[in-house]
Structure formats: structure tokens, C-alpha cells
């Protein structure tokens, strides 16, 4: 009984912290998927200059509380290049020898 009263609170704290960390990593995954979809949609509908770089930054934060005394955060950086394929092909046709 005495051993259980010492060990059980520690086990419960560890399990709750693991659940919080699991939810945090699921939120990171969700933000990464959303950032990828946004970048893909920009790439598919891009019709401006021939080539442009795209960079976006989002931060996911796990609030401090309980055993966790500091704030944990993860920066998610999305970097890609946007191409206007029509403009690139037309520019190539201007400089071709045909």
C-alpha cells in the first residue's frame, strides 16, 4: 500500500506528460500537412513571374504546465520555388533557333 502510494502518482504524471507530448506531435504533423497543402496550392495556381521562392514559417507551442516547467515550441519552415511554366516555355521559344 505504501509503495503504491509513492509510485502511482509518479506513473500517472509520466502517462499524462506522454499524452500531452503525443498530442503536441500530432499538432505538429497537422500543421506540416497544412503547410504542404498550402504550398502545393500556390504552386499549382501560380501565374506571376517565371520563378519565385516561397517561404513560410509557423510555430507550434506546447504550453507549460504540470511537470513541464518550460514552454516547448517547434518552428515549421516551408520553402519551395514557384514556377510559371507557361512563361518559361514562352521565354524559351523566344530564344530558340527555330
C-alpha atoms as a PDB file:
ATOM      1  CA  UNK A   1       0.000   0.000   0.000  1.00  0.00           C
ATOM      2  CA  UNK A   2       2.786   2.419   0.917  1.00  0.00           C
ATOM      3  CA  UNK A   3       4.786   1.568  -2.204  1.00  0.00           C
ATOM      4  CA  UNK A   4       1.729   2.064  -4.399  1.00  0.00           C
ATOM      5  CA  UNK A   5       1.023   5.465  -2.832  1.00  0.00           C
ATOM      6  CA  UNK A   6       4.569   6.552  -3.725  1.00  0.00           C
ATOM      7  CA  UNK A   7       4.798   5.054  -7.218  1.00  0.00           C
ATOM      8  CA  UNK A   8       1.261   5.653  -8.591  1.00  0.00           C
ATOM      9  CA  UNK A   9       1.399   9.490  -8.670  1.00  0.00           C
ATOM     10  CA  UNK A  10       4.714   9.332 -10.500  1.00  0.00           C
ATOM     11  CA  UNK A  11       3.332   6.857 -13.040  1.00  0.00           C
ATOM     12  CA  UNK A  12       0.206   8.987 -13.541  1.00  0.00           C
ATOM     13  CA  UNK A  13       2.341  12.124 -14.102  1.00  0.00           C
ATOM     14  CA  UNK A  14       4.513  10.314 -16.640  1.00  0.00           C
ATOM     15  CA  UNK A  15       1.480   8.959 -18.522  1.00  0.00           C
ATOM     16  CA  UNK A  16      -0.202  12.388 -18.639  1.00  0.00           C
ATOM     17  CA  UNK A  17       3.035  14.021 -19.858  1.00  0.00           C
ATOM     18  CA  UNK A  18       3.382  11.364 -22.556  1.00  0.00           C
ATOM     19  CA  UNK A  19      -0.201  12.015 -23.686  1.00  0.00           C
ATOM     20  CA  UNK A  20       0.473  15.771 -23.854  1.00  0.00           C
ATOM     21  CA  UNK A  21       3.638  15.192 -25.890  1.00  0.00           C
ATOM     22  CA  UNK A  22       1.769  12.814 -28.197  1.00  0.00           C
ATOM     23  CA  UNK A  23      -0.932  15.451 -28.790  1.00  0.00           C
ATOM     24  CA  UNK A  24       1.816  18.054 -29.395  1.00  0.00           C
ATOM     25  CA  UNK A  25       3.457  15.916 -32.069  1.00  0.00           C
ATOM     26  CA  UNK A  26       0.081  15.248 -33.699  1.00  0.00           C
ATOM     27  CA  UNK A  27      -0.462  19.014 -33.853  1.00  0.00           C
ATOM     28  CA  UNK A  28       2.993  19.424 -35.433  1.00  0.00           C
ATOM     29  CA  UNK A  29       2.077  16.808 -38.031  1.00  0.00           C
ATOM     30  CA  UNK A  30      -1.219  18.552 -38.746  1.00  0.00           C
ATOM     31  CA  UNK A  31       0.493  21.931 -39.230  1.00  0.00           C
ATOM     32  CA  UNK A  32       3.110  20.357 -41.525  1.00  0.00           C
ATOM     33  CA  UNK A  33       0.434  18.746 -43.690  1.00  0.00           C
ATOM     34  CA  UNK A  34      -1.497  22.032 -43.865  1.00  0.00           C
ATOM     35  CA  UNK A  35       1.670  23.937 -44.831  1.00  0.00           C
ATOM     36  CA  UNK A  36       2.409  21.384 -47.553  1.00  0.00           C
ATOM     37  CA  UNK A  37      -1.120  21.649 -48.959  1.00  0.00           C
ATOM     38  CA  UNK A  38      -0.918  25.474 -48.956  1.00  0.00           C
ATOM     39  CA  UNK A  39       2.433  25.382 -50.782  1.00  0.00           C
ATOM     40  CA  UNK A  40       1.074  22.861 -53.306  1.00  0.00           C
ATOM     41  CA  UNK A  41      -1.983  25.007 -53.980  1.00  0.00           C
ATOM     42  CA  UNK A  42       0.225  28.055 -54.514  1.00  0.00           C
ATOM     43  CA  UNK A  43       2.441  26.089 -56.874  1.00  0.00           C
ATOM     44  CA  UNK A  44      -0.495  24.763 -58.931  1.00  0.00           C
ATOM     45  CA  UNK A  45      -2.136  28.141 -59.438  1.00  0.00           C
ATOM     46  CA  UNK A  46       0.981  30.308 -59.809  1.00  0.00           C
ATOM     47  CA  UNK A  47       0.773  32.707 -62.790  1.00  0.00           C
ATOM     48  CA  UNK A  48       3.093  35.609 -61.998  1.00  0.00           C
ATOM     49  CA  UNK A  49       6.863  35.966 -62.710  1.00  0.00           C
ATOM     50  CA  UNK A  50       8.749  32.959 -64.101  1.00  0.00           C
ATOM     51  CA  UNK A  51      10.438  31.743 -60.904  1.00  0.00           C
ATOM     52  CA  UNK A  52       9.977  32.877 -57.321  1.00  0.00           C
ATOM     53  CA  UNK A  53      10.931  31.432 -53.978  1.00  0.00           C
ATOM     54  CA  UNK A  54       8.283  30.893 -51.316  1.00  0.00           C
ATOM     55  CA  UNK A  55       8.992  30.710 -47.600  1.00  0.00           C
ATOM     56  CA  UNK A  56       6.521  30.374 -44.762  1.00  0.00           C
ATOM     57  CA  UNK A  57       7.088  29.879 -41.052  1.00  0.00           C
ATOM     58  CA  UNK A  58       4.657  28.588 -38.468  1.00  0.00           C
ATOM     59  CA  UNK A  59       5.230  27.895 -34.797  1.00  0.00           C
ATOM     60  CA  UNK A  60       3.516  25.204 -32.746  1.00  0.00           C
ATOM     61  CA  UNK A  61       3.722  25.696 -28.980  1.00  0.00           C
ATOM     62  CA  UNK A  62       3.051  23.356 -26.090  1.00  0.00           C
ATOM     63  CA  UNK A  63       2.046  25.432 -23.093  1.00  0.00           C
ATOM     64  CA  UNK A  64       3.921  24.870 -19.869  1.00  0.00           C
ATOM     65  CA  UNK A  65       2.041  23.248 -17.064  1.00  0.00           C
ATOM     66  CA  UNK A  66       2.162  20.357 -14.660  1.00  0.00           C
ATOM     67  CA  UNK A  67       5.568  18.688 -14.612  1.00  0.00           C
ATOM     68  CA  UNK A  68       6.606  20.634 -17.703  1.00  0.00           C
ATOM     69  CA  UNK A  69       8.006  23.936 -16.408  1.00  0.00           C
ATOM     70  CA  UNK A  70       9.205  25.457 -19.696  1.00  0.00           C
ATOM     71  CA  UNK A  71       7.407  26.164 -22.946  1.00  0.00           C
ATOM     72  CA  UNK A  72       8.210  23.756 -25.760  1.00  0.00           C
ATOM     73  CA  UNK A  73       7.842  25.010 -29.315  1.00  0.00           C
ATOM     74  CA  UNK A  74       8.608  23.795 -32.819  1.00  0.00           C
ATOM     75  CA  UNK A  75       9.162  26.040 -35.851  1.00  0.00           C
ATOM     76  CA  UNK A  76       7.870  24.636 -39.116  1.00  0.00           C
ATOM     77  CA  UNK A  77       9.501  26.237 -42.139  1.00  0.00           C
ATOM     78  CA  UNK A  78       8.167  25.626 -45.627  1.00  0.00           C
ATOM     79  CA  UNK A  79      10.474  26.523 -48.505  1.00  0.00           C
ATOM     80  CA  UNK A  80       9.775  25.939 -52.169  1.00  0.00           C
ATOM     81  CA  UNK A  81      10.106  27.522 -55.591  1.00  0.00           C
ATOM     82  CA  UNK A  82       7.092  28.646 -57.573  1.00  0.00           C
ATOM     83  CA  UNK A  83       7.325  28.230 -61.354  1.00  0.00           C
ATOM     84  CA  UNK A  84       5.181  29.776 -64.057  1.00  0.00           C
ATOM     85  CA  UNK A  85       5.609  27.021 -66.631  1.00  0.00           C
ATOM     86  CA  UNK A  86       3.756  28.853 -69.416  1.00  0.00           C
ATOM     87  CA  UNK A  87       6.003  31.887 -69.099  1.00  0.00           C
ATOM     88  CA  UNK A  88       9.150  29.736 -69.005  1.00  0.00           C
ATOM     89  CA  UNK A  89       8.109  27.862 -72.178  1.00  0.00           C
ATOM     90  CA  UNK A  90       7.221  31.103 -73.990  1.00  0.00           C
ATOM     91  CA  UNK A  91      10.572  32.627 -72.990  1.00  0.00           C
ATOM     92  CA  UNK A  92      12.345  29.516 -74.268  1.00  0.00           C
ATOM     93  CA  UNK A  93      10.515  29.802 -77.589  1.00  0.00           C
ATOM     94  CA  UNK A  94      11.754  33.395 -77.979  1.00  0.00           C
ATOM     95  CA  UNK A  95      15.369  32.289 -77.719  1.00  0.00           C
ATOM     96  CA  UNK A  96      15.117  29.104 -79.801  1.00  0.00           C
ATOM     97  CA  UNK A  97      16.743  28.905 -83.236  1.00  0.00           C
ATOM     98  CA  UNK A  98      13.616  27.666 -84.990  1.00  0.00           C
END
